[in-house]
Amino acid sequence: MDLEVNYDKLNSKDEAYSQVKEAITPELLAKFQVKAELSYKEDQIIAKGKGFELVLNFTDHSCQVNLTLSLLLKAFRSKITSALEKQIKRIV
């Protein structure tokens, strides 16, 4: 797990899931020069692209972020992680 964001503004994982689902879009990920396809499962959002995988797991109290990057994208890990953290904290 790369990052864990506790729910401050929302009360349940269902609320957090629906709000984050609206905020994490292919356009947001395109800011990092990553084309990603989003898939939605129960309590989980997955974004996969070439050399990029983002998994958001929603627990009762927090959103857990797992980020896997290819060798070419590893230099941008901190930038991507901080941008995701900022976006998720703004919502949850």
PDB file of N, CA and C in Angstrom:
ATOM      1  N   MET A   1       0.846  -1.169   0.000  1.00  0.00           N
ATOM      2  CA  MET A   1       0.000   0.000   0.000  1.00  0.00           C
ATOM      3  C   MET A   1       0.898   1.241   0.000  1.00  0.00           C
ATOM      4  N   ASP A   2       0.617   2.129  -0.933  1.00  0.00           N
ATOM      5  CA  ASP A   2       1.420   3.340  -1.064  1.00  0.00           C
ATOM      6  C   ASP A   2       0.872   4.504  -0.254  1.00  0.00           C
ATOM      7  N   LEU A   3      -0.424   4.486  -0.024  1.00  0.00           N
ATOM      8  CA  LEU A   3      -1.064   5.638   0.603  1.00  0.00           C
ATOM      9  C   LEU A   3      -2.374   5.201   1.243  1.00  0.00           C
ATOM     10  N   GLU A   4      -2.708   5.808   2.372  1.00  0.00           N
ATOM     11  CA  GLU A   4      -3.989   5.543   3.029  1.00  0.00           C
ATOM     12  C   GLU A   4      -4.585   6.882   3.445  1.00  0.00           C
ATOM     13  N   VAL A   5      -5.809   7.133   2.985  1.00  0.00           N
ATOM     14  CA  VAL A   5      -6.493   8.386   3.278  1.00  0.00           C
ATOM     15  C   VAL A   5      -7.736   8.075   4.100  1.00  0.00           C
ATOM     16  N   ASN A   6      -7.768   8.557   5.334  1.00  0.00           N
ATOM     17  CA  ASN A   6      -8.924   8.333   6.205  1.00  0.00           C
ATOM     18  C   ASN A   6     -10.079   9.236   5.798  1.00  0.00           C
ATOM     19  N   TYR A   7     -11.295   8.753   6.035  1.00  0.00           N
ATOM     20  CA  TYR A   7     -12.485   9.536   5.724  1.00  0.00           C
ATOM     21  C   TYR A   7     -12.659  10.620   6.784  1.00  0.00           C
ATOM     22  N   ASP A   8     -12.637  11.873   6.375  1.00  0.00           N
ATOM     23  CA  ASP A   8     -12.880  12.991   7.281  1.00  0.00           C
ATOM     24  C   ASP A   8     -14.227  13.643   7.018  1.00  0.00           C
ATOM     25  N   LYS A   9     -14.585  13.757   5.743  1.00  0.00           N
ATOM     26  CA  LYS A   9     -15.808  14.458   5.354  1.00  0.00           C
ATOM     27  C   LYS A   9     -16.992  13.519   5.149  1.00  0.00           C
ATOM     28  N   LEU A  10     -16.721  12.267   4.868  1.00  0.00           N
ATOM     29  CA  LEU A  10     -17.774  11.298   4.593  1.00  0.00           C
ATOM     30  C   LEU A  10     -17.837  10.265   5.706  1.00  0.00           C
ATOM     31  N   ASN A  11     -18.984   9.615   5.810  1.00  0.00           N
ATOM     32  CA  ASN A  11     -19.196   8.700   6.934  1.00  0.00           C
ATOM     33  C   ASN A  11     -19.068   7.224   6.592  1.00  0.00           C
ATOM     34  N   SER A  12     -19.180   6.868   5.318  1.00  0.00           N
ATOM     35  CA  SER A  12     -19.164   5.443   4.984  1.00  0.00           C
ATOM     36  C   SER A  12     -18.332   5.190   3.733  1.00  0.00           C
ATOM     37  N   LYS A  13     -17.969   3.941   3.559  1.00  0.00           N
ATOM     38  CA  LYS A  13     -17.180   3.586   2.391  1.00  0.00           C
ATOM     39  C   LYS A  13     -17.997   3.682   1.115  1.00  0.00           C
ATOM     40  N   ASP A  14     -19.322   3.487   1.207  1.00  0.00           N
ATOM     41  CA  ASP A  14     -20.177   3.609   0.028  1.00  0.00           C
ATOM     42  C   ASP A  14     -20.212   5.052  -0.483  1.00  0.00           C
ATOM     43  N   GLU A  15     -20.308   6.006   0.424  1.00  0.00           N
ATOM     44  CA  GLU A  15     -20.274   7.418   0.045  1.00  0.00           C
ATOM     45  C   GLU A  15     -18.917   7.763  -0.566  1.00  0.00           C
ATOM     46  N   ALA A  16     -17.862   7.306   0.067  1.00  0.00           N
ATOM     47  CA  ALA A  16     -16.507   7.592  -0.416  1.00  0.00           C
ATOM     48  C   ALA A  16     -16.292   6.982  -1.801  1.00  0.00           C
ATOM     49  N   TYR A  17     -16.743   5.753  -1.977  1.00  0.00           N
ATOM     50  CA  TYR A  17     -16.591   5.068  -3.262  1.00  0.00           C
ATOM     51  C   TYR A  17     -17.276   5.853  -4.373  1.00  0.00           C
ATOM     52  N   SER A  18     -18.505   6.266  -4.149  1.00  0.00           N
ATOM     53  CA  SER A  18     -19.244   6.972  -5.201  1.00  0.00           C
ATOM     54  C   SER A  18     -18.633   8.337  -5.502  1.00  0.00           C
ATOM     55  N   GLN A  19     -18.152   9.045  -4.484  1.00  0.00           N
ATOM     56  CA  GLN A  19     -17.540  10.362  -4.700  1.00  0.00           C
ATOM     57  C   GLN A  19     -16.195  10.244  -5.423  1.00  0.00           C
ATOM     58  N   VAL A  20     -15.384   9.288  -5.039  1.00  0.00           N
ATOM     59  CA  VAL A  20     -14.082   9.100  -5.677  1.00  0.00           C
ATOM     60  C   VAL A  20     -14.268   8.587  -7.102  1.00  0.00           C
ATOM     61  N   LYS A  21     -15.274   7.767  -7.316  1.00  0.00           N
ATOM     62  CA  LYS A  21     -15.573   7.246  -8.653  1.00  0.00           C
ATOM     63  C   LYS A  21     -15.834   8.392  -9.632  1.00  0.00           C
ATOM     64  N   GLU A  22     -16.494   9.436  -9.168  1.00  0.00           N
ATOM     65  CA  GLU A  22     -16.771  10.596 -10.012  1.00  0.00           C
ATOM     66  C   GLU A  22     -15.518  11.449 -10.221  1.00  0.00           C
ATOM     67  N   ALA A  23     -14.599  11.457  -9.269  1.00  0.00           N
ATOM     68  CA  ALA A  23     -13.441  12.348  -9.323  1.00  0.00           C
ATOM     69  C   ALA A  23     -12.246  11.749 -10.066  1.00  0.00           C
ATOM     70  N   ILE A  24     -12.026  10.455  -9.916  1.00  0.00           N
ATOM     71  CA  ILE A  24     -10.887   9.811 -10.582  1.00  0.00           C
ATOM     72  C   ILE A  24     -11.354   9.393 -11.973  1.00  0.00           C
ATOM     73  N   THR A  25     -10.950  10.172 -12.958  1.00  0.00           N
ATOM     74  CA  THR A  25     -11.400   9.965 -14.327  1.00  0.00           C
ATOM     75  C   THR A  25     -10.193   9.749 -15.245  1.00  0.00           C
ATOM     76  N   PRO A  26     -10.428   9.247 -16.444  1.00  0.00           N
ATOM     77  CA  PRO A  26      -9.316   9.124 -17.400  1.00  0.00           C
ATOM     78  C   PRO A  26      -8.661  10.475 -17.693  1.00  0.00           C
ATOM     79  N   GLU A  27      -9.435  11.548 -17.629  1.00  0.00           N
ATOM     80  CA  GLU A  27      -8.877  12.883 -17.868  1.00  0.00           C
ATOM     81  C   GLU A  27      -7.896  13.267 -16.767  1.00  0.00           C
ATOM     82  N   LEU A  28      -8.221  12.931 -15.524  1.00  0.00           N
ATOM     83  CA  LEU A  28      -7.310  13.215 -14.418  1.00  0.00           C
ATOM     84  C   LEU A  28      -6.010  12.439 -14.595  1.00  0.00           C
ATOM     85  N   LEU A  29      -6.115  11.185 -14.963  1.00  0.00           N
ATOM     86  CA  LEU A  29      -4.925  10.354 -15.144  1.00  0.00           C
ATOM     87  C   LEU A  29      -4.121  10.785 -16.366  1.00  0.00           C
ATOM     88  N   ALA A  30      -4.779  11.377 -17.349  1.00  0.00           N
ATOM     89  CA  ALA A  30      -4.080  11.850 -18.547  1.00  0.00           C
ATOM     90  C   ALA A  30      -3.114  12.985 -18.225  1.00  0.00           C
ATOM     91  N   LYS A  31      -3.328  13.677 -17.108  1.00  0.00           N
ATOM     92  CA  LYS A  31      -2.399  14.729 -16.691  1.00  0.00           C
ATOM     93  C   LYS A  31      -0.995  14.175 -16.448  1.00  0.00           C
ATOM     94  N   PHE A  32      -0.912  12.881 -16.189  1.00  0.00           N
ATOM     95  CA  PHE A  32       0.375  12.230 -15.927  1.00  0.00           C
ATOM     96  C   PHE A  32       0.900  11.511 -17.173  1.00  0.00           C
ATOM     97  N   GLN A  33       0.347  11.847 -18.347  1.00  0.00           N
ATOM     98  CA  GLN A  33       0.694  11.202 -19.613  1.00  0.00           C
ATOM     99  C   GLN A  33       0.473   9.692 -19.548  1.00  0.00           C
ATOM    100  N   VAL A  34      -0.643   9.309 -18.945  1.00  0.00           N
ATOM    101  CA  VAL A  34      -0.997   7.899 -18.804  1.00  0.00           C
ATOM    102  C   VAL A  34      -2.397   7.698 -19.361  1.00  0.00           C
ATOM    103  N   LYS A  35      -2.513   6.771 -20.308  1.00  0.00           N
ATOM    104  CA  LYS A  35      -3.833   6.377 -20.772  1.00  0.00           C
ATOM    105  C   LYS A  35      -4.246   5.176 -19.930  1.00  0.00           C
ATOM    106  N   ALA A  36      -5.355   5.320 -19.242  1.00  0.00           N
ATOM    107  CA  ALA A  36      -5.779   4.238 -18.357  1.00  0.00           C
ATOM    108  C   ALA A  36      -7.249   3.937 -18.572  1.00  0.00           C
ATOM    109  N   GLU A  37      -7.565   2.680 -18.450  1.00  0.00           N
ATOM    110  CA  GLU A  37      -8.940   2.231 -18.529  1.00  0.00           C
ATOM    111  C   GLU A  37      -9.397   1.934 -17.109  1.00  0.00           C
ATOM    112  N   LEU A  38     -10.535   2.474 -16.746  1.00  0.00           N
ATOM    113  CA  LEU A  38     -11.046   2.310 -15.382  1.00  0.00           C
ATOM    114  C   LEU A  38     -12.047   1.164 -15.330  1.00  0.00           C
ATOM    115  N   SER A  39     -11.957   0.391 -14.270  1.00  0.00           N
ATOM    116  CA  SER A  39     -12.949  -0.652 -14.011  1.00  0.00           C
ATOM    117  C   SER A  39     -13.391  -0.526 -12.557  1.00  0.00           C
ATOM    118  N   TYR A  40     -14.637  -0.846 -12.326  1.00  0.00           N
ATOM    119  CA  TYR A  40     -15.232  -0.655 -11.010  1.00  0.00           C
ATOM    120  C   TYR A  40     -15.740  -1.993 -10.490  1.00  0.00           C
ATOM    121  N   LYS A  41     -15.265  -2.349  -9.314  1.00  0.00           N
ATOM    122  CA  LYS A  41     -15.719  -3.552  -8.619  1.00  0.00           C
ATOM    123  C   LYS A  41     -16.267  -3.116  -7.272  1.00  0.00           C
ATOM    124  N   GLU A  42     -16.833  -4.037  -6.556  1.00  0.00           N
ATOM    125  CA  GLU A  42     -17.366  -3.706  -5.235  1.00  0.00           C
ATOM    126  C   GLU A  42     -16.225  -3.266  -4.331  1.00  0.00           C
ATOM    127  N   ASP A  43     -16.299  -2.053  -3.821  1.00  0.00           N
ATOM    128  CA  ASP A  43     -15.309  -1.474  -2.907  1.00  0.00           C
ATOM    129  C   ASP A  43     -13.919  -1.339  -3.514  1.00  0.00           C
ATOM    130  N   GLN A  44     -13.835  -1.281  -4.855  1.00  0.00           N
ATOM    131  CA  GLN A  44     -12.523  -1.186  -5.495  1.00  0.00           C
ATOM    132  C   GLN A  44     -12.648  -0.490  -6.852  1.00  0.00           C
ATOM    133  N   ILE A  45     -11.709   0.420  -7.111  1.00  0.00           N
ATOM    134  CA  ILE A  45     -11.602   1.076  -8.410  1.00  0.00           C
ATOM    135  C   ILE A  45     -10.210   0.762  -8.941  1.00  0.00           C
ATOM    136  N   ILE A  46     -10.160   0.295 -10.190  1.00  0.00           N
ATOM    137  CA  ILE A  46      -8.885  -0.094 -10.796  1.00  0.00           C
ATOM    138  C   ILE A  46      -8.693   0.693 -12.088  1.00  0.00           C
ATOM    139  N   ALA A  47      -7.531   1.318 -12.209  1.00  0.00           N
ATOM    140  CA  ALA A  47      -7.153   2.015 -13.435  1.00  0.00           C
ATOM    141  C   ALA A  47      -5.900   1.341 -13.977  1.00  0.00           C
ATOM    142  N   LYS A  48      -5.998   0.812 -15.207  1.00  0.00           N
ATOM    143  CA  LYS A  48      -4.860   0.123 -15.813  1.00  0.00           C
ATOM    144  C   LYS A  48      -4.523   0.768 -17.143  1.00  0.00           C
ATOM    145  N   GLY A  49      -3.244   0.910 -17.358  1.00  0.00           N
ATOM    146  CA  GLY A  49      -2.733   1.411 -18.618  1.00  0.00           C
ATOM    147  C   GLY A  49      -1.373   0.806 -18.867  1.00  0.00           C
ATOM    148  N   LYS A  50      -0.739   1.216 -19.942  1.00  0.00           N
ATOM    149  CA  LYS A  50       0.574   0.675 -20.264  1.00  0.00           C
ATOM    150  C   LYS A  50       1.592   1.152 -19.220  1.00  0.00           C
ATOM    151  N   GLY A  51       2.098   0.227 -18.435  1.00  0.00           N
ATOM    152  CA  GLY A  51       3.085   0.547 -17.415  1.00  0.00           C
ATOM    153  C   GLY A  51       2.524   1.232 -16.185  1.00  0.00           C
ATOM    154  N   PHE A  52       1.214   1.153 -16.005  1.00  0.00           N
ATOM    155  CA  PHE A  52       0.553   1.888 -14.936  1.00  0.00           C
ATOM    156  C   PHE A  52      -0.612   1.065 -14.399  1.00  0.00           C
ATOM    157  N   GLU A  53      -0.674   0.939 -13.083  1.00  0.00           N
ATOM    158  CA  GLU A  53      -1.846   0.316 -12.452  1.00  0.00           C
ATOM    159  C   GLU A  53      -2.101   1.014 -11.125  1.00  0.00           C
ATOM    160  N   LEU A  54      -3.321   1.477 -10.986  1.00  0.00           N
ATOM    161  CA  LEU A  54      -3.766   2.150  -9.775  1.00  0.00           C
ATOM    162  C   LEU A  54      -4.942   1.373  -9.219  1.00  0.00           C
ATOM    163  N   VAL A  55      -4.848   0.977  -7.949  1.00  0.00           N
ATOM    164  CA  VAL A  55      -5.932   0.251  -7.292  1.00  0.00           C
ATOM    165  C   VAL A  55      -6.330   1.034  -6.056  1.00  0.00           C
ATOM    166  N   LEU A  56      -7.606   1.399  -5.979  1.00  0.00           N
ATOM    167  CA  LEU A  56      -8.163   2.091  -4.819  1.00  0.00           C
ATOM    168  C   LEU A  56      -9.087   1.118  -4.098  1.00  0.00           C
ATOM    169  N   ASN A  57      -8.728   0.763  -2.876  1.00  0.00           N
ATOM    170  CA  ASN A  57      -9.542  -0.132  -2.051  1.00  0.00           C
ATOM    171  C   ASN A  57     -10.225   0.699  -0.971  1.00  0.00           C
ATOM    172  N   PHE A  58     -11.517   0.488  -0.807  1.00  0.00           N
ATOM    173  CA  PHE A  58     -12.283   1.234   0.176  1.00  0.00           C
ATOM    174  C   PHE A  58     -12.624   0.336   1.354  1.00  0.00           C
ATOM    175  N   THR A  59     -12.138   0.735   2.540  1.00  0.00           N
ATOM    176  CA  THR A  59     -12.438   0.013   3.769  1.00  0.00           C
ATOM    177  C   THR A  59     -13.464   0.827   4.545  1.00  0.00           C
ATOM    178  N   ASP A  60     -13.808   0.384   5.735  1.00  0.00           N
ATOM    179  CA  ASP A  60     -14.807   1.094   6.535  1.00  0.00           C
ATOM    180  C   ASP A  60     -14.343   2.483   6.966  1.00  0.00           C
ATOM    181  N   HIS A  61     -13.027   2.700   7.062  1.00  0.00           N
ATOM    182  CA  HIS A  61     -12.523   3.963   7.596  1.00  0.00           C
ATOM    183  C   HIS A  61     -11.564   4.717   6.680  1.00  0.00           C
ATOM    184  N   SER A  62     -11.133   4.089   5.577  1.00  0.00           N
ATOM    185  CA  SER A  62     -10.138   4.756   4.741  1.00  0.00           C
ATOM    186  C   SER A  62     -10.164   4.247   3.299  1.00  0.00           C
ATOM    187  N   CYS A  63      -9.475   4.998   2.457  1.00  0.00           N
ATOM    188  CA  CYS A  63      -9.243   4.612   1.066  1.00  0.00           C
ATOM    189  C   CYS A  63      -7.763   4.267   0.958  1.00  0.00           C
ATOM    190  N   GLN A  64      -7.479   3.060   0.527  1.00  0.00           N
ATOM    191  CA  GLN A  64      -6.100   2.607   0.398  1.00  0.00           C
ATOM    192  C   GLN A  64      -5.702   2.651  -1.074  1.00  0.00           C
ATOM    193  N   VAL A  65      -4.570   3.262  -1.340  1.00  0.00           N
ATOM    194  CA  VAL A  65      -4.102   3.473  -2.707  1.00  0.00           C
ATOM    195  C   VAL A  65      -2.865   2.625  -2.956  1.00  0.00           C
ATOM    196  N   ASN A  66      -2.930   1.816  -4.017  1.00  0.00           N
ATOM    197  CA  ASN A  66      -1.783   1.018  -4.445  1.00  0.00           C
ATOM    198  C   ASN A  66      -1.436   1.437  -5.866  1.00  0.00           C
ATOM    199  N   LEU A  67      -0.206   1.838  -6.083  1.00  0.00           N
ATOM    200  CA  LEU A  67       0.239   2.327  -7.378  1.00  0.00           C
ATOM    201  C   LEU A  67       1.425   1.505  -7.854  1.00  0.00           C
ATOM    202  N   THR A  68       1.294   0.946  -9.061  1.00  0.00           N
ATOM    203  CA  THR A  68       2.372   0.182  -9.672  1.00  0.00           C
ATOM    204  C   THR A  68       2.750   0.878 -10.970  1.00  0.00           C
ATOM    205  N   LEU A  69       4.032   1.189 -11.113  1.00  0.00           N
ATOM    206  CA  LEU A  69       4.503   1.909 -12.288  1.00  0.00           C
ATOM    207  C   LEU A  69       5.629   1.154 -12.983  1.00  0.00           C
ATOM    208  N   SER A  70       5.700   1.330 -14.294  1.00  0.00           N
ATOM    209  CA  SER A  70       6.802   0.745 -15.048  1.00  0.00           C
ATOM    210  C   SER A  70       8.075   1.543 -14.773  1.00  0.00           C
ATOM    211  N   LEU A  71       9.160   1.049 -15.250  1.00  0.00           N
ATOM    212  CA  LEU A  71      10.450   1.696 -15.027  1.00  0.00           C
ATOM    213  C   LEU A  71      10.474   3.125 -15.571  1.00  0.00           C
ATOM    214  N   LEU A  72       9.832   3.348 -16.709  1.00  0.00           N
ATOM    215  CA  LEU A  72       9.814   4.684 -17.307  1.00  0.00           C
ATOM    216  C   LEU A  72       9.007   5.692 -16.486  1.00  0.00           C
ATOM    217  N   LEU A  73       8.003   5.216 -15.779  1.00  0.00           N
ATOM    218  CA  LEU A  73       7.139   6.114 -15.014  1.00  0.00           C
ATOM    219  C   LEU A  73       7.547   6.260 -13.549  1.00  0.00           C
ATOM    220  N   LYS A  74       8.477   5.446 -13.080  1.00  0.00           N
ATOM    221  CA  LYS A  74       8.855   5.485 -11.660  1.00  0.00           C
ATOM    222  C   LYS A  74       9.369   6.849 -11.217  1.00  0.00           C
ATOM    223  N   ALA A  75       9.942   7.592 -12.127  1.00  0.00           N
ATOM    224  CA  ALA A  75      10.440   8.932 -11.780  1.00  0.00           C
ATOM    225  C   ALA A  75       9.305   9.867 -11.374  1.00  0.00           C
ATOM    226  N   PHE A  76       8.097   9.570 -11.828  1.00  0.00           N
ATOM    227  CA  PHE A  76       6.938  10.411 -11.538  1.00  0.00           C
ATOM    228  C   PHE A  76       6.114   9.921 -10.352  1.00  0.00           C
ATOM    229  N   ARG A  77       6.585   8.886  -9.658  1.00  0.00           N
ATOM    230  CA  ARG A  77       5.819   8.274  -8.564  1.00  0.00           C
ATOM    231  C   ARG A  77       5.384   9.287  -7.516  1.00  0.00           C
ATOM    232  N   SER A  78       6.284  10.109  -7.038  1.00  0.00           N
ATOM    233  CA  SER A  78       5.928  11.060  -5.979  1.00  0.00           C
ATOM    234  C   SER A  78       4.941  12.105  -6.480  1.00  0.00           C
ATOM    235  N   LYS A  79       5.103  12.544  -7.707  1.00  0.00           N
ATOM    236  CA  LYS A  79       4.177  13.528  -8.282  1.00  0.00           C
ATOM    237  C   LYS A  79       2.774  12.938  -8.421  1.00  0.00           C
ATOM    238  N   ILE A  80       2.690  11.720  -8.925  1.00  0.00           N
ATOM    239  CA  ILE A  80       1.393  11.064  -9.107  1.00  0.00           C
ATOM    240  C   ILE A  80       0.749  10.783  -7.753  1.00  0.00           C
ATOM    241  N   THR A  81       1.523  10.263  -6.813  1.00  0.00           N
ATOM    242  CA  THR A  81       0.997   9.931  -5.491  1.00  0.00           C
ATOM    243  C   THR A  81       0.486  11.178  -4.772  1.00  0.00           C
ATOM    244  N   SER A  82       1.242  12.261  -4.822  1.00  0.00           N
ATOM    245  CA  SER A  82       0.804  13.479  -4.128  1.00  0.00           C
ATOM    246  C   SER A  82      -0.434  14.078  -4.781  1.00  0.00           C
ATOM    247  N   ALA A  83      -0.532  14.021  -6.098  1.00  0.00           N
ATOM    248  CA  ALA A  83      -1.722  14.534  -6.778  1.00  0.00           C
ATOM    249  C   ALA A  83      -2.956  13.699  -6.445  1.00  0.00           C
ATOM    250  N   LEU A  84      -2.792  12.382  -6.399  1.00  0.00           N
ATOM    251  CA  LEU A  84      -3.906  11.505  -6.027  1.00  0.00           C
ATOM    252  C   LEU A  84      -4.329  11.740  -4.582  1.00  0.00           C
ATOM    253  N   GLU A  85      -3.343  11.882  -3.700  1.00  0.00           N
ATOM    254  CA  GLU A  85      -3.640  12.133  -2.292  1.00  0.00           C
ATOM    255  C   GLU A  85      -4.420  13.439  -2.135  1.00  0.00           C
ATOM    256  N   LYS A  86      -3.989  14.465  -2.812  1.00  0.00           N
ATOM    257  CA  LYS A  86      -4.663  15.762  -2.738  1.00  0.00           C
ATOM    258  C   LYS A  86      -6.102  15.650  -3.238  1.00  0.00           C
ATOM    259  N   GLN A  87      -6.291  14.967  -4.350  1.00  0.00           N
ATOM    260  CA  GLN A  87      -7.635  14.817  -4.927  1.00  0.00           C
ATOM    261  C   GLN A  87      -8.542  14.009  -4.004  1.00  0.00           C
ATOM    262  N   ILE A  88      -8.037  12.909  -3.461  1.00  0.00           N
ATOM    263  CA  ILE A  88      -8.859  12.049  -2.594  1.00  0.00           C
ATOM    264  C   ILE A  88      -9.162  12.743  -1.282  1.00  0.00           C
ATOM    265  N   LYS A  89      -8.168  13.419  -0.686  1.00  0.00           N
ATOM    266  CA  LYS A  89      -8.406  14.143   0.583  1.00  0.00           C
ATOM    267  C   LYS A  89      -9.444  15.246   0.419  1.00  0.00           C
ATOM    268  N   ARG A  90      -9.451  15.869  -0.736  1.00  0.00           N
ATOM    269  CA  ARG A  90     -10.427  16.927  -1.013  1.00  0.00           C
ATOM    270  C   ARG A  90     -11.855  16.373  -0.978  1.00  0.00           C
ATOM    271  N   ILE A  91     -12.002  15.122  -1.336  1.00  0.00           N
ATOM    272  CA  ILE A  91     -13.327  14.505  -1.431  1.00  0.00           C
ATOM    273  C   ILE A  91     -13.756  13.824  -0.138  1.00  0.00           C
ATOM    274  N   VAL A  92     -12.886  12.965   0.389  1.00  0.00           N
ATOM    275  CA  VAL A  92     -13.279  12.139   1.536  1.00  0.00           C
ATOM    276  C   VAL A  92     -12.864  12.783   2.833  1.00  0.00           C
TER     277      VAL A  92
END
